[in-house]
Amino acid sequence: MELKDLADELEIISRVYERRFGVERTDDWLVLKLHEEVGELTQAYLAASGRSRDRGEEPGEADTAFRAELADVLAQLLLVARRFDVDLEAEVERKWFRWRHLVEPQDEDGVRTHVREAAAPGA
């Protein structure tokens, strides 16, 4: 799924959230909600890495919470980008991929192995 399509689907779900919980999804709310989600991600990371108080979670719950918060941050980020008409793919290309010419073989070690393995005959 393309990022734009994902953002459109998230917009629909976010509108359900607005309707169901009576939250007005203003520009400020979207950005502040992103900040809230990053805070929750930080909290979940600390729990998953054993650096917060024991909350009596079952094994694996902290990892599940961390994964869920990553999804929340991504979703909220895509909603903010959509609201402000930011093409994230183009911005990542402009901001990050301008460094492609500096990539050396060791920079790719272990990064794309799953892609190569899946494409290999008999995989």
PDB file of N, CA and C in Angstrom:
ATOM      1  N   MET A   1       0.846  -1.187   0.000  1.00  0.00           N
ATOM      2  CA  MET A   1       0.000   0.000   0.000  1.00  0.00           C
ATOM      3  C   MET A   1       0.888   1.246   0.000  1.00  0.00           C
ATOM      4  N   GLU A   2       0.541   2.195  -0.813  1.00  0.00           N
ATOM      5  CA  GLU A   2       1.264   3.465  -0.875  1.00  0.00           C
ATOM      6  C   GLU A   2       0.994   4.285   0.399  1.00  0.00           C
ATOM      7  N   LEU A   3       1.933   5.149   0.771  1.00  0.00           N
ATOM      8  CA  LEU A   3       1.739   5.985   1.956  1.00  0.00           C
ATOM      9  C   LEU A   3       0.479   6.842   1.855  1.00  0.00           C
ATOM     10  N   LYS A   4       0.210   7.393   0.670  1.00  0.00           N
ATOM     11  CA  LYS A   4      -0.971   8.237   0.495  1.00  0.00           C
ATOM     12  C   LYS A   4      -2.249   7.441   0.742  1.00  0.00           C
ATOM     13  N   ASP A   5      -2.298   6.226   0.210  1.00  0.00           N
ATOM     14  CA  ASP A   5      -3.468   5.380   0.414  1.00  0.00           C
ATOM     15  C   ASP A   5      -3.621   5.020   1.892  1.00  0.00           C
ATOM     16  N   LEU A   6      -2.517   4.719   2.541  1.00  0.00           N
ATOM     17  CA  LEU A   6      -2.550   4.415   3.967  1.00  0.00           C
ATOM     18  C   LEU A   6      -3.057   5.620   4.754  1.00  0.00           C
ATOM     19  N   ALA A   7      -2.557   6.810   4.419  1.00  0.00           N
ATOM     20  CA  ALA A   7      -2.999   8.033   5.097  1.00  0.00           C
ATOM     21  C   ALA A   7      -4.493   8.279   4.882  1.00  0.00           C
ATOM     22  N   ASP A   8      -4.993   8.008   3.701  1.00  0.00           N
ATOM     23  CA  ASP A   8      -6.431   8.169   3.433  1.00  0.00           C
ATOM     24  C   ASP A   8      -7.249   7.220   4.304  1.00  0.00           C
ATOM     25  N   GLU A   9      -6.810   5.975   4.419  1.00  0.00           N
ATOM     26  CA  GLU A   9      -7.513   5.007   5.269  1.00  0.00           C
ATOM     27  C   GLU A   9      -7.466   5.432   6.732  1.00  0.00           C
ATOM     28  N   LEU A  10      -6.319   5.950   7.166  1.00  0.00           N
ATOM     29  CA  LEU A  10      -6.191   6.429   8.540  1.00  0.00           C
ATOM     30  C   LEU A  10      -7.085   7.641   8.793  1.00  0.00           C
ATOM     31  N   GLU A  11      -7.221   8.500   7.797  1.00  0.00           N
ATOM     32  CA  GLU A  11      -8.104   9.663   7.917  1.00  0.00           C
ATOM     33  C   GLU A  11      -9.535   9.221   8.189  1.00  0.00           C
ATOM     34  N   ILE A  12      -9.977   8.192   7.510  1.00  0.00           N
ATOM     35  CA  ILE A  12     -11.338   7.689   7.714  1.00  0.00           C
ATOM     36  C   ILE A  12     -11.507   7.187   9.153  1.00  0.00           C
ATOM     37  N   ILE A  13     -10.552   6.409   9.627  1.00  0.00           N
ATOM     38  CA  ILE A  13     -10.625   5.890  10.991  1.00  0.00           C
ATOM     39  C   ILE A  13     -10.532   7.030  12.002  1.00  0.00           C
ATOM     40  N   SER A  14      -9.709   8.016  11.723  1.00  0.00           N
ATOM     41  CA  SER A  14      -9.580   9.159  12.627  1.00  0.00           C
ATOM     42  C   SER A  14     -10.884   9.960  12.705  1.00  0.00           C
ATOM     43  N   ARG A  15     -11.607  10.017  11.612  1.00  0.00           N
ATOM     44  CA  ARG A  15     -12.919  10.675  11.627  1.00  0.00           C
ATOM     45  C   ARG A  15     -13.907   9.899  12.496  1.00  0.00           C
ATOM     46  N   VAL A  16     -13.801   8.576  12.479  1.00  0.00           N
ATOM     47  CA  VAL A  16     -14.631   7.756  13.369  1.00  0.00           C
ATOM     48  C   VAL A  16     -14.293   8.096  14.815  1.00  0.00           C
ATOM     49  N   TYR A  17     -13.016   8.214  15.125  1.00  0.00           N
ATOM     50  CA  TYR A  17     -12.551   8.581  16.468  1.00  0.00           C
ATOM     51  C   TYR A  17     -13.145   9.924  16.879  1.00  0.00           C
ATOM     52  N   GLU A  18     -13.099  10.884  15.958  1.00  0.00           N
ATOM     53  CA  GLU A  18     -13.644  12.215  16.227  1.00  0.00           C
ATOM     54  C   GLU A  18     -15.136  12.127  16.547  1.00  0.00           C
ATOM     55  N   ARG A  19     -15.861  11.409  15.725  1.00  0.00           N
ATOM     56  CA  ARG A  19     -17.308  11.279  15.911  1.00  0.00           C
ATOM     57  C   ARG A  19     -17.636  10.528  17.190  1.00  0.00           C
ATOM     58  N   ARG A  20     -16.940   9.450  17.422  1.00  0.00           N
ATOM     59  CA  ARG A  20     -17.238   8.599  18.573  1.00  0.00           C
ATOM     60  C   ARG A  20     -16.890   9.249  19.911  1.00  0.00           C
ATOM     61  N   PHE A  21     -15.775   9.970  19.956  1.00  0.00           N
ATOM     62  CA  PHE A  21     -15.303  10.521  21.222  1.00  0.00           C
ATOM     63  C   PHE A  21     -15.501  12.035  21.344  1.00  0.00           C
ATOM     64  N   GLY A  22     -16.083  12.657  20.321  1.00  0.00           N
ATOM     65  CA  GLY A  22     -16.368  14.082  20.396  1.00  0.00           C
ATOM     66  C   GLY A  22     -15.134  14.958  20.433  1.00  0.00           C
ATOM     67  N   VAL A  23     -14.064  14.502  19.805  1.00  0.00           N
ATOM     68  CA  VAL A  23     -12.808  15.252  19.766  1.00  0.00           C
ATOM     69  C   VAL A  23     -12.749  16.007  18.451  1.00  0.00           C
ATOM     70  N   GLU A  24     -12.554  17.315  18.528  1.00  0.00           N
ATOM     71  CA  GLU A  24     -12.397  18.095  17.304  1.00  0.00           C
ATOM     72  C   GLU A  24     -10.956  17.972  16.828  1.00  0.00           C
ATOM     73  N   ARG A  25     -10.758  17.409  15.668  1.00  0.00           N
ATOM     74  CA  ARG A  25      -9.426  17.132  15.130  1.00  0.00           C
ATOM     75  C   ARG A  25      -8.861  18.369  14.421  1.00  0.00           C
ATOM     76  N   THR A  26      -8.538  19.367  15.202  1.00  0.00           N
ATOM     77  CA  THR A  26      -7.958  20.590  14.653  1.00  0.00           C
ATOM     78  C   THR A  26      -6.495  20.339  14.298  1.00  0.00           C
ATOM     79  N   ASP A  27      -5.878  21.315  13.643  1.00  0.00           N
ATOM     80  CA  ASP A  27      -4.447  21.215  13.349  1.00  0.00           C
ATOM     81  C   ASP A  27      -3.655  21.004  14.635  1.00  0.00           C
ATOM     82  N   ASP A  28      -3.960  21.811  15.649  1.00  0.00           N
ATOM     83  CA  ASP A  28      -3.262  21.695  16.929  1.00  0.00           C
ATOM     84  C   ASP A  28      -3.445  20.310  17.535  1.00  0.00           C
ATOM     85  N   TRP A  29      -4.674  19.806  17.502  1.00  0.00           N
ATOM     86  CA  TRP A  29      -4.949  18.505  18.101  1.00  0.00           C
ATOM     87  C   TRP A  29      -4.120  17.427  17.418  1.00  0.00           C
ATOM     88  N   LEU A  30      -4.057  17.457  16.090  1.00  0.00           N
ATOM     89  CA  LEU A  30      -3.295  16.437  15.367  1.00  0.00           C
ATOM     90  C   LEU A  30      -1.821  16.440  15.762  1.00  0.00           C
ATOM     91  N   VAL A  31      -1.233  17.616  15.853  1.00  0.00           N
ATOM     92  CA  VAL A  31       0.189  17.704  16.209  1.00  0.00           C
ATOM     93  C   VAL A  31       0.401  17.325  17.675  1.00  0.00           C
ATOM     94  N   LEU A  32      -0.462  17.801  18.547  1.00  0.00           N
ATOM     95  CA  LEU A  32      -0.332  17.463  19.964  1.00  0.00           C
ATOM     96  C   LEU A  32      -0.580  15.972  20.212  1.00  0.00           C
ATOM     97  N   LYS A  33      -1.489  15.389  19.464  1.00  0.00           N
ATOM     98  CA  LYS A  33      -1.746  13.956  19.580  1.00  0.00           C
ATOM     99  C   LYS A  33      -0.518  13.163  19.142  1.00  0.00           C
ATOM    100  N   LEU A  34       0.180  13.630  18.122  1.00  0.00           N
ATOM    101  CA  LEU A  34       1.432  12.994  17.710  1.00  0.00           C
ATOM    102  C   LEU A  34       2.424  13.017  18.873  1.00  0.00           C
ATOM    103  N   HIS A  35       2.527  14.150  19.520  1.00  0.00           N
ATOM    104  CA  HIS A  35       3.432  14.291  20.662  1.00  0.00           C
ATOM    105  C   HIS A  35       3.027  13.315  21.776  1.00  0.00           C
ATOM    106  N   GLU A  36       1.753  13.203  22.037  1.00  0.00           N
ATOM    107  CA  GLU A  36       1.262  12.266  23.045  1.00  0.00           C
ATOM    108  C   GLU A  36       1.661  10.831  22.684  1.00  0.00           C
ATOM    109  N   GLU A  37       1.476  10.476  21.430  1.00  0.00           N
ATOM    110  CA  GLU A  37       1.802   9.119  20.987  1.00  0.00           C
ATOM    111  C   GLU A  37       3.296   8.841  21.101  1.00  0.00           C
ATOM    112  N   VAL A  38       4.134   9.827  20.811  1.00  0.00           N
ATOM    113  CA  VAL A  38       5.585   9.649  20.971  1.00  0.00           C
ATOM    114  C   VAL A  38       5.908   9.419  22.445  1.00  0.00           C
ATOM    115  N   GLY A  39       5.229  10.141  23.332  1.00  0.00           N
ATOM    116  CA  GLY A  39       5.419   9.921  24.769  1.00  0.00           C
ATOM    117  C   GLY A  39       5.026   8.513  25.176  1.00  0.00           C
ATOM    118  N   GLU A  40       3.913   8.030  24.648  1.00  0.00           N
ATOM    119  CA  GLU A  40       3.475   6.670  24.955  1.00  0.00           C
ATOM    120  C   GLU A  40       4.448   5.638  24.387  1.00  0.00           C
ATOM    121  N   LEU A  41       5.007   5.920  23.220  1.00  0.00           N
ATOM    122  CA  LEU A  41       6.024   5.037  22.647  1.00  0.00           C
ATOM    123  C   LEU A  41       7.245   4.981  23.568  1.00  0.00           C
ATOM    124  N   THR A  42       7.653   6.122  24.062  1.00  0.00           N
ATOM    125  CA  THR A  42       8.799   6.175  24.973  1.00  0.00           C
ATOM    126  C   THR A  42       8.523   5.356  26.226  1.00  0.00           C
ATOM    127  N   GLN A  43       7.352   5.519  26.780  1.00  0.00           N
ATOM    128  CA  GLN A  43       6.963   4.762  27.971  1.00  0.00           C
ATOM    129  C   GLN A  43       6.964   3.259  27.682  1.00  0.00           C
ATOM    130  N   ALA A  44       6.412   2.868  26.535  1.00  0.00           N
ATOM    131  CA  ALA A  44       6.366   1.452  26.166  1.00  0.00           C
ATOM    132  C   ALA A  44       7.773   0.909  25.940  1.00  0.00           C
ATOM    133  N   TYR A  45       8.642   1.717  25.350  1.00  0.00           N
ATOM    134  CA  TYR A  45      10.030   1.284  25.142  1.00  0.00           C
ATOM    135  C   TYR A  45      10.729   1.047  26.475  1.00  0.00           C
ATOM    136  N   LEU A  46      10.539   1.971  27.401  1.00  0.00           N
ATOM    137  CA  LEU A  46      11.168   1.808  28.708  1.00  0.00           C
ATOM    138  C   LEU A  46      10.684   0.534  29.400  1.00  0.00           C
ATOM    139  N   ALA A  47       9.393   0.248  29.286  1.00  0.00           N
ATOM    140  CA  ALA A  47       8.846  -0.973  29.884  1.00  0.00           C
ATOM    141  C   ALA A  47       9.410  -2.206  29.190  1.00  0.00           C
ATOM    142  N   ALA A  48       9.457  -2.182  27.859  1.00  0.00           N
ATOM    143  CA  ALA A  48       9.939  -3.341  27.102  1.00  0.00           C
ATOM    144  C   ALA A  48      11.426  -3.599  27.344  1.00  0.00           C
ATOM    145  N   SER A  49      12.159  -2.543  27.636  1.00  0.00           N
ATOM    146  CA  SER A  49      13.601  -2.700  27.866  1.00  0.00           C
ATOM    147  C   SER A  49      13.930  -2.846  29.353  1.00  0.00           C
ATOM    148  N   GLY A  50      12.890  -2.993  30.186  1.00  0.00           N
ATOM    149  CA  GLY A  50      13.099  -3.237  31.609  1.00  0.00           C
ATOM    150  C   GLY A  50      13.582  -2.038  32.386  1.00  0.00           C
ATOM    151  N   ARG A  51      13.267  -0.845  31.906  1.00  0.00           N
ATOM    152  CA  ARG A  51      13.740   0.363  32.582  1.00  0.00           C
ATOM    153  C   ARG A  51      12.606   1.224  33.126  1.00  0.00           C
ATOM    154  N   SER A  52      11.519   0.569  33.515  1.00  0.00           N
ATOM    155  CA  SER A  52      10.449   1.295  34.198  1.00  0.00           C
ATOM    156  C   SER A  52       9.920   0.399  35.301  1.00  0.00           C
ATOM    157  N   ARG A  53       9.057   0.928  36.105  1.00  0.00           N
ATOM    158  CA  ARG A  53       8.550   0.150  37.242  1.00  0.00           C
ATOM    159  C   ARG A  53       7.765  -1.058  36.738  1.00  0.00           C
ATOM    160  N   ASP A  54       7.739  -2.067  37.562  1.00  0.00           N
ATOM    161  CA  ASP A  54       6.999  -3.287  37.236  1.00  0.00           C
ATOM    162  C   ASP A  54       5.512  -3.003  37.303  1.00  0.00           C
ATOM    163  N   ARG A  55       4.822  -3.215  36.213  1.00  0.00           N
ATOM    164  CA  ARG A  55       3.377  -2.977  36.154  1.00  0.00           C
ATOM    165  C   ARG A  55       2.593  -4.281  36.186  1.00  0.00           C
ATOM    166  N   GLY A  56       3.292  -5.362  36.497  1.00  0.00           N
ATOM    167  CA  GLY A  56       2.632  -6.648  36.603  1.00  0.00           C
ATOM    168  C   GLY A  56       2.154  -7.216  35.280  1.00  0.00           C
ATOM    169  N   GLU A  57       2.814  -6.844  34.192  1.00  0.00           N
ATOM    170  CA  GLU A  57       2.426  -7.332  32.874  1.00  0.00           C
ATOM    171  C   GLU A  57       2.845  -8.779  32.679  1.00  0.00           C
ATOM    172  N   GLU A  58       2.079  -9.478  31.890  1.00  0.00           N
ATOM    173  CA  GLU A  58       2.420 -10.835  31.499  1.00  0.00           C
ATOM    174  C   GLU A  58       3.602 -10.781  30.529  1.00  0.00           C
ATOM    175  N   PRO A  59       4.361 -11.887  30.418  1.00  0.00           N
ATOM    176  CA  PRO A  59       5.468 -11.913  29.446  1.00  0.00           C
ATOM    177  C   PRO A  59       4.964 -11.578  28.037  1.00  0.00           C
ATOM    178  N   GLY A  60       5.680 -10.705  27.365  1.00  0.00           N
ATOM    179  CA  GLY A  60       5.319 -10.322  26.004  1.00  0.00           C
ATOM    180  C   GLY A  60       4.407  -9.115  25.907  1.00  0.00           C
ATOM    181  N   GLU A  61       3.725  -8.756  26.990  1.00  0.00           N
ATOM    182  CA  GLU A  61       2.810  -7.610  26.933  1.00  0.00           C
ATOM    183  C   GLU A  61       3.542  -6.301  26.658  1.00  0.00           C
ATOM    184  N   ALA A  62       4.721  -6.136  27.250  1.00  0.00           N
ATOM    185  CA  ALA A  62       5.478  -4.900  27.030  1.00  0.00           C
ATOM    186  C   ALA A  62       5.907  -4.786  25.570  1.00  0.00           C
ATOM    187  N   ASP A  63       6.328  -5.897  24.966  1.00  0.00           N
ATOM    188  CA  ASP A  63       6.711  -5.877  23.553  1.00  0.00           C
ATOM    189  C   ASP A  63       5.507  -5.582  22.667  1.00  0.00           C
ATOM    190  N   THR A  64       4.371  -6.159  23.008  1.00  0.00           N
ATOM    191  CA  THR A  64       3.139  -5.909  22.248  1.00  0.00           C
ATOM    192  C   THR A  64       2.760  -4.436  22.337  1.00  0.00           C
ATOM    193  N   ALA A  65       2.873  -3.864  23.528  1.00  0.00           N
ATOM    194  CA  ALA A  65       2.549  -2.442  23.713  1.00  0.00           C
ATOM    195  C   ALA A  65       3.503  -1.562  22.908  1.00  0.00           C
ATOM    196  N   PHE A  66       4.786  -1.919  22.894  1.00  0.00           N
ATOM    197  CA  PHE A  66       5.778  -1.159  22.121  1.00  0.00           C
ATOM    198  C   PHE A  66       5.426  -1.164  20.640  1.00  0.00           C
ATOM    199  N   ARG A  67       5.084  -2.327  20.120  1.00  0.00           N
ATOM    200  CA  ARG A  67       4.706  -2.441  18.709  1.00  0.00           C
ATOM    201  C   ARG A  67       3.450  -1.620  18.403  1.00  0.00           C
ATOM    202  N   ALA A  68       2.495  -1.674  19.296  1.00  0.00           N
ATOM    203  CA  ALA A  68       1.253  -0.916  19.103  1.00  0.00           C
ATOM    204  C   ALA A  68       1.522   0.587  19.100  1.00  0.00           C
ATOM    205  N   GLU A  69       2.404   1.041  19.969  1.00  0.00           N
ATOM    206  CA  GLU A  69       2.710   2.468  20.026  1.00  0.00           C
ATOM    207  C   GLU A  69       3.482   2.924  18.790  1.00  0.00           C
ATOM    208  N   LEU A  70       4.330   2.053  18.235  1.00  0.00           N
ATOM    209  CA  LEU A  70       4.986   2.390  16.970  1.00  0.00           C
ATOM    210  C   LEU A  70       3.934   2.622  15.880  1.00  0.00           C
ATOM    211  N   ALA A  71       2.934   1.758  15.851  1.00  0.00           N
ATOM    212  CA  ALA A  71       1.852   1.922  14.871  1.00  0.00           C
ATOM    213  C   ALA A  71       1.101   3.227  15.108  1.00  0.00           C
ATOM    214  N   ASP A  72       0.842   3.563  16.369  1.00  0.00           N
ATOM    215  CA  ASP A  72       0.138   4.808  16.679  1.00  0.00           C
ATOM    216  C   ASP A  72       0.934   6.028  16.215  1.00  0.00           C
ATOM    217  N   VAL A  73       2.241   6.009  16.455  1.00  0.00           N
ATOM    218  CA  VAL A  73       3.084   7.139  16.045  1.00  0.00           C
ATOM    219  C   VAL A  73       3.081   7.278  14.525  1.00  0.00           C
ATOM    220  N   LEU A  74       3.252   6.169  13.829  1.00  0.00           N
ATOM    221  CA  LEU A  74       3.240   6.210  12.367  1.00  0.00           C
ATOM    222  C   LEU A  74       1.896   6.726  11.854  1.00  0.00           C
ATOM    223  N   ALA A  75       0.806   6.207  12.396  1.00  0.00           N
ATOM    224  CA  ALA A  75      -0.522   6.626  11.953  1.00  0.00           C
ATOM    225  C   ALA A  75      -0.726   8.114  12.188  1.00  0.00           C
ATOM    226  N   GLN A  76      -0.379   8.584  13.364  1.00  0.00           N
ATOM    227  CA  GLN A  76      -0.580  10.000  13.676  1.00  0.00           C
ATOM    228  C   GLN A  76       0.313  10.878  12.814  1.00  0.00           C
ATOM    229  N   LEU A  77       1.543  10.431  12.560  1.00  0.00           N
ATOM    230  CA  LEU A  77       2.447  11.183  11.688  1.00  0.00           C
ATOM    231  C   LEU A  77       1.863  11.302  10.285  1.00  0.00           C
ATOM    232  N   LEU A  78       1.325  10.209   9.769  1.00  0.00           N
ATOM    233  CA  LEU A  78       0.716  10.243   8.441  1.00  0.00           C
ATOM    234  C   LEU A  78      -0.506  11.164   8.411  1.00  0.00           C
ATOM    235  N   LEU A  79      -1.261  11.194   9.489  1.00  0.00           N
ATOM    236  CA  LEU A  79      -2.414  12.104   9.553  1.00  0.00           C
ATOM    237  C   LEU A  79      -1.967  13.573   9.547  1.00  0.00           C
ATOM    238  N   VAL A  80      -0.915  13.868  10.280  1.00  0.00           N
ATOM    239  CA  VAL A  80      -0.394  15.244  10.293  1.00  0.00           C
ATOM    240  C   VAL A  80       0.102  15.620   8.904  1.00  0.00           C
ATOM    241  N   ALA A  81       0.862  14.745   8.282  1.00  0.00           N
ATOM    242  CA  ALA A  81       1.374  15.026   6.939  1.00  0.00           C
ATOM    243  C   ALA A  81       0.227  15.230   5.955  1.00  0.00           C
ATOM    244  N   ARG A  82      -0.798  14.408   6.057  1.00  0.00           N
ATOM    245  CA  ARG A  82      -1.956  14.533   5.164  1.00  0.00           C
ATOM    246  C   ARG A  82      -2.650  15.874   5.364  1.00  0.00           C
ATOM    247  N   ARG A  83      -2.847  16.253   6.624  1.00  0.00           N
ATOM    248  CA  ARG A  83      -3.531  17.509   6.936  1.00  0.00           C
ATOM    249  C   ARG A  83      -2.792  18.708   6.357  1.00  0.00           C
ATOM    250  N   PHE A  84      -1.460  18.669   6.427  1.00  0.00           N
ATOM    251  CA  PHE A  84      -0.665  19.806   5.968  1.00  0.00           C
ATOM    252  C   PHE A  84      -0.146  19.614   4.544  1.00  0.00           C
ATOM    253  N   ASP A  85      -0.713  18.631   3.847  1.00  0.00           N
ATOM    254  CA  ASP A  85      -0.395  18.373   2.446  1.00  0.00           C
ATOM    255  C   ASP A  85       1.111  18.209   2.216  1.00  0.00           C
ATOM    256  N   VAL A  86       1.720  17.387   3.058  1.00  0.00           N
ATOM    257  CA  VAL A  86       3.144  17.094   2.935  1.00  0.00           C
ATOM    258  C   VAL A  86       3.295  15.720   2.289  1.00  0.00           C
ATOM    259  N   ASP A  87       4.000  15.668   1.181  1.00  0.00           N
ATOM    260  CA  ASP A  87       4.298  14.419   0.502  1.00  0.00           C
ATOM    261  C   ASP A  87       5.520  13.817   1.195  1.00  0.00           C
ATOM    262  N   LEU A  88       5.274  12.910   2.130  1.00  0.00           N
ATOM    263  CA  LEU A  88       6.369  12.357   2.916  1.00  0.00           C
ATOM    264  C   LEU A  88       7.374  11.595   2.061  1.00  0.00           C
ATOM    265  N   GLU A  89       6.893  10.904   1.040  1.00  0.00           N
ATOM    266  CA  GLU A  89       7.831  10.182   0.177  1.00  0.00           C
ATOM    267  C   GLU A  89       8.793  11.160  -0.488  1.00  0.00           C
ATOM    268  N   ALA A  90       8.271  12.268  -0.976  1.00  0.00           N
ATOM    269  CA  ALA A  90       9.124  13.278  -1.615  1.00  0.00           C
ATOM    270  C   ALA A  90      10.059  13.927  -0.598  1.00  0.00           C
ATOM    271  N   GLU A  91       9.567  14.150   0.607  1.00  0.00           N
ATOM    272  CA  GLU A  91      10.405  14.783   1.634  1.00  0.00           C
ATOM    273  C   GLU A  91      11.511  13.849   2.108  1.00  0.00           C
ATOM    274  N   VAL A  92      11.211  12.562   2.230  1.00  0.00           N
ATOM    275  CA  VAL A  92      12.250  11.606   2.598  1.00  0.00           C
ATOM    276  C   VAL A  92      13.293  11.534   1.477  1.00  0.00           C
ATOM    277  N   GLU A  93      12.821  11.542   0.256  1.00  0.00           N
ATOM    278  CA  GLU A  93      13.742  11.552  -0.891  1.00  0.00           C
ATOM    279  C   GLU A  93      14.658  12.772  -0.823  1.00  0.00           C
ATOM    280  N   ARG A  94      14.073  13.934  -0.579  1.00  0.00           N
ATOM    281  CA  ARG A  94      14.834  15.184  -0.547  1.00  0.00           C
ATOM    282  C   ARG A  94      15.778  15.247   0.657  1.00  0.00           C
ATOM    283  N   LYS A  95      15.289  14.867   1.819  1.00  0.00           N
ATOM    284  CA  LYS A  95      16.038  15.056   3.065  1.00  0.00           C
ATOM    285  C   LYS A  95      17.026  13.921   3.352  1.00  0.00           C
ATOM    286  N   TRP A  96      16.625  12.686   3.121  1.00  0.00           N
ATOM    287  CA  TRP A  96      17.440  11.532   3.487  1.00  0.00           C
ATOM    288  C   TRP A  96      18.211  10.943   2.314  1.00  0.00           C
ATOM    289  N   PHE A  97      17.538  10.728   1.198  1.00  0.00           N
ATOM    290  CA  PHE A  97      18.148   9.985   0.107  1.00  0.00           C
ATOM    291  C   PHE A  97      19.147  10.798  -0.694  1.00  0.00           C
ATOM    292  N   ARG A  98      19.314  12.053  -0.357  1.00  0.00           N
ATOM    293  CA  ARG A  98      20.362  12.844  -1.001  1.00  0.00           C
ATOM    294  C   ARG A  98      21.749  12.328  -0.612  1.00  0.00           C
ATOM    295  N   TRP A  99      21.797  11.457   0.396  1.00  0.00           N
ATOM    296  CA  TRP A  99      23.059  10.898   0.869  1.00  0.00           C
ATOM    297  C   TRP A  99      23.372   9.551   0.212  1.00  0.00           C
ATOM    298  N   ARG A 100      22.539   9.112  -0.711  1.00  0.00           N
ATOM    299  CA  ARG A 100      22.752   7.800  -1.343  1.00  0.00           C
ATOM    300  C   ARG A 100      24.143   7.650  -1.958  1.00  0.00           C
ATOM    301  N   HIS A 101      24.655   8.715  -2.512  1.00  0.00           N
ATOM    302  CA  HIS A 101      25.953   8.639  -3.193  1.00  0.00           C
ATOM    303  C   HIS A 101      27.097   8.303  -2.226  1.00  0.00           C
ATOM    304  N   LEU A 102      26.857   8.393  -0.933  1.00  0.00           N
ATOM    305  CA  LEU A 102      27.891   8.099   0.055  1.00  0.00           C
ATOM    306  C   LEU A 102      27.808   6.675   0.600  1.00  0.00           C
ATOM    307  N   VAL A 103      26.813   5.909   0.162  1.00  0.00           N
ATOM    308  CA  VAL A 103      26.631   4.542   0.656  1.00  0.00           C
ATOM    309  C   VAL A 103      27.791   3.666   0.205  1.00  0.00           C
ATOM    310  N   GLU A 104      28.349   2.930   1.161  1.00  0.00           N
ATOM    311  CA  GLU A 104      29.412   1.964   0.893  1.00  0.00           C
ATOM    312  C   GLU A 104      28.873   0.568   1.206  1.00  0.00           C
ATOM    313  N   PRO A 105      29.503  -0.473   0.673  1.00  0.00           N
ATOM    314  CA  PRO A 105      28.986  -1.839   0.860  1.00  0.00           C
ATOM    315  C   PRO A 105      28.688  -2.199   2.317  1.00  0.00           C
ATOM    316  N   GLN A 106      29.558  -1.808   3.250  1.00  0.00           N
ATOM    317  CA  GLN A 106      29.342  -2.164   4.655  1.00  0.00           C
ATOM    318  C   GLN A 106      28.087  -1.496   5.238  1.00  0.00           C
ATOM    319  N   ASP A 107      27.650  -0.414   4.625  1.00  0.00           N
ATOM    320  CA  ASP A 107      26.443   0.261   5.107  1.00  0.00           C
ATOM    321  C   ASP A 107      25.190  -0.566   4.846  1.00  0.00           C
ATOM    322  N   GLU A 108      25.273  -1.440   3.859  1.00  0.00           N
ATOM    323  CA  GLU A 108      24.118  -2.262   3.479  1.00  0.00           C
ATOM    324  C   GLU A 108      24.133  -3.648   4.109  1.00  0.00           C
ATOM    325  N   ASP A 109      25.251  -4.010   4.760  1.00  0.00           N
ATOM    326  CA  ASP A 109      25.373  -5.342   5.353  1.00  0.00           C
ATOM    327  C   ASP A 109      24.216  -5.631   6.301  1.00  0.00           C
ATOM    328  N   GLY A 110      23.531  -6.740   6.034  1.00  0.00           N
ATOM    329  CA  GLY A 110      22.463  -7.192   6.900  1.00  0.00           C
ATOM    330  C   GLY A 110      21.152  -6.447   6.765  1.00  0.00           C
ATOM    331  N   VAL A 111      21.099  -5.448   5.909  1.00  0.00           N
ATOM    332  CA  VAL A 111      19.876  -4.652   5.793  1.00  0.00           C
ATOM    333  C   VAL A 111      18.894  -5.273   4.820  1.00  0.00           C
ATOM    334  N   ARG A 112      19.373  -5.669   3.681  1.00  0.00           N
ATOM    335  CA  ARG A 112      18.482  -6.151   2.628  1.00  0.00           C
ATOM    336  C   ARG A 112      18.542  -7.667   2.456  1.00  0.00           C
ATOM    337  N   THR A 113      19.060  -8.384   3.412  1.00  0.00           N
ATOM    338  CA  THR A 113      19.201  -9.832   3.265  1.00  0.00           C
ATOM    339  C   THR A 113      17.855 -10.510   3.095  1.00  0.00           C
ATOM    340  N   HIS A 114      16.838 -10.044   3.797  1.00  0.00           N
ATOM    341  CA  HIS A 114      15.520 -10.674   3.674  1.00  0.00           C
ATOM    342  C   HIS A 114      14.929 -10.490   2.275  1.00  0.00           C
ATOM    343  N   VAL A 115      15.261  -9.398   1.617  1.00  0.00           N
ATOM    344  CA  VAL A 115      14.782  -9.167   0.256  1.00  0.00           C
ATOM    345  C   VAL A 115      15.498 -10.111  -0.697  1.00  0.00           C
ATOM    346  N   ARG A 116      16.819 -10.229  -0.548  1.00  0.00           N
ATOM    347  CA  ARG A 116      17.593 -11.117  -1.414  1.00  0.00           C
ATOM    348  C   ARG A 116      17.178 -12.570  -1.232  1.00  0.00           C
ATOM    349  N   GLU A 117      16.964 -12.993   0.017  1.00  0.00           N
ATOM    350  CA  GLU A 117      16.573 -14.370   0.284  1.00  0.00           C
ATOM    351  C   GLU A 117      15.210 -14.692  -0.317  1.00  0.00           C
ATOM    352  N   ALA A 118      14.277 -13.767  -0.209  1.00  0.00           N
ATOM    353  CA  ALA A 118      12.936 -13.998  -0.738  1.00  0.00           C
ATOM    354  C   ALA A 118      12.951 -14.083  -2.257  1.00  0.00           C
ATOM    355  N   ALA A 119      13.883 -13.375  -2.890  1.00  0.00           N
ATOM    356  CA  ALA A 119      13.950 -13.347  -4.356  1.00  0.00           C
ATOM    357  C   ALA A 119      14.763 -14.513  -4.917  1.00  0.00           C
ATOM    358  N   ALA A 120      15.500 -15.193  -4.046  1.00  0.00           N
ATOM    359  CA  ALA A 120      16.358 -16.292  -4.511  1.00  0.00           C
ATOM    360  C   ALA A 120      15.518 -17.474  -4.994  1.00  0.00           C
ATOM    361  N   PRO A 121      15.978 -18.142  -6.052  1.00  0.00           N
ATOM    362  CA  PRO A 121      15.253 -19.327  -6.545  1.00  0.00           C
ATOM    363  C   PRO A 121      15.149 -20.388  -5.452  1.00  0.00           C
ATOM    364  N   GLY A 122      13.976 -20.975  -5.356  1.00  0.00           N
ATOM    365  CA  GLY A 122      13.746 -22.009  -4.364  1.00  0.00           C
ATOM    366  C   GLY A 122      13.436 -21.489  -2.981  1.00  0.00           C
ATOM    367  N   ALA A 123      13.337 -20.164  -2.844  1.00  0.00           N
ATOM    368  CA  ALA A 123      13.049 -19.573  -1.531  1.00  0.00           C
ATOM    369  C   ALA A 123      11.578 -19.624  -1.235  1.00  0.00           C
TER     370      ALA A 123
END
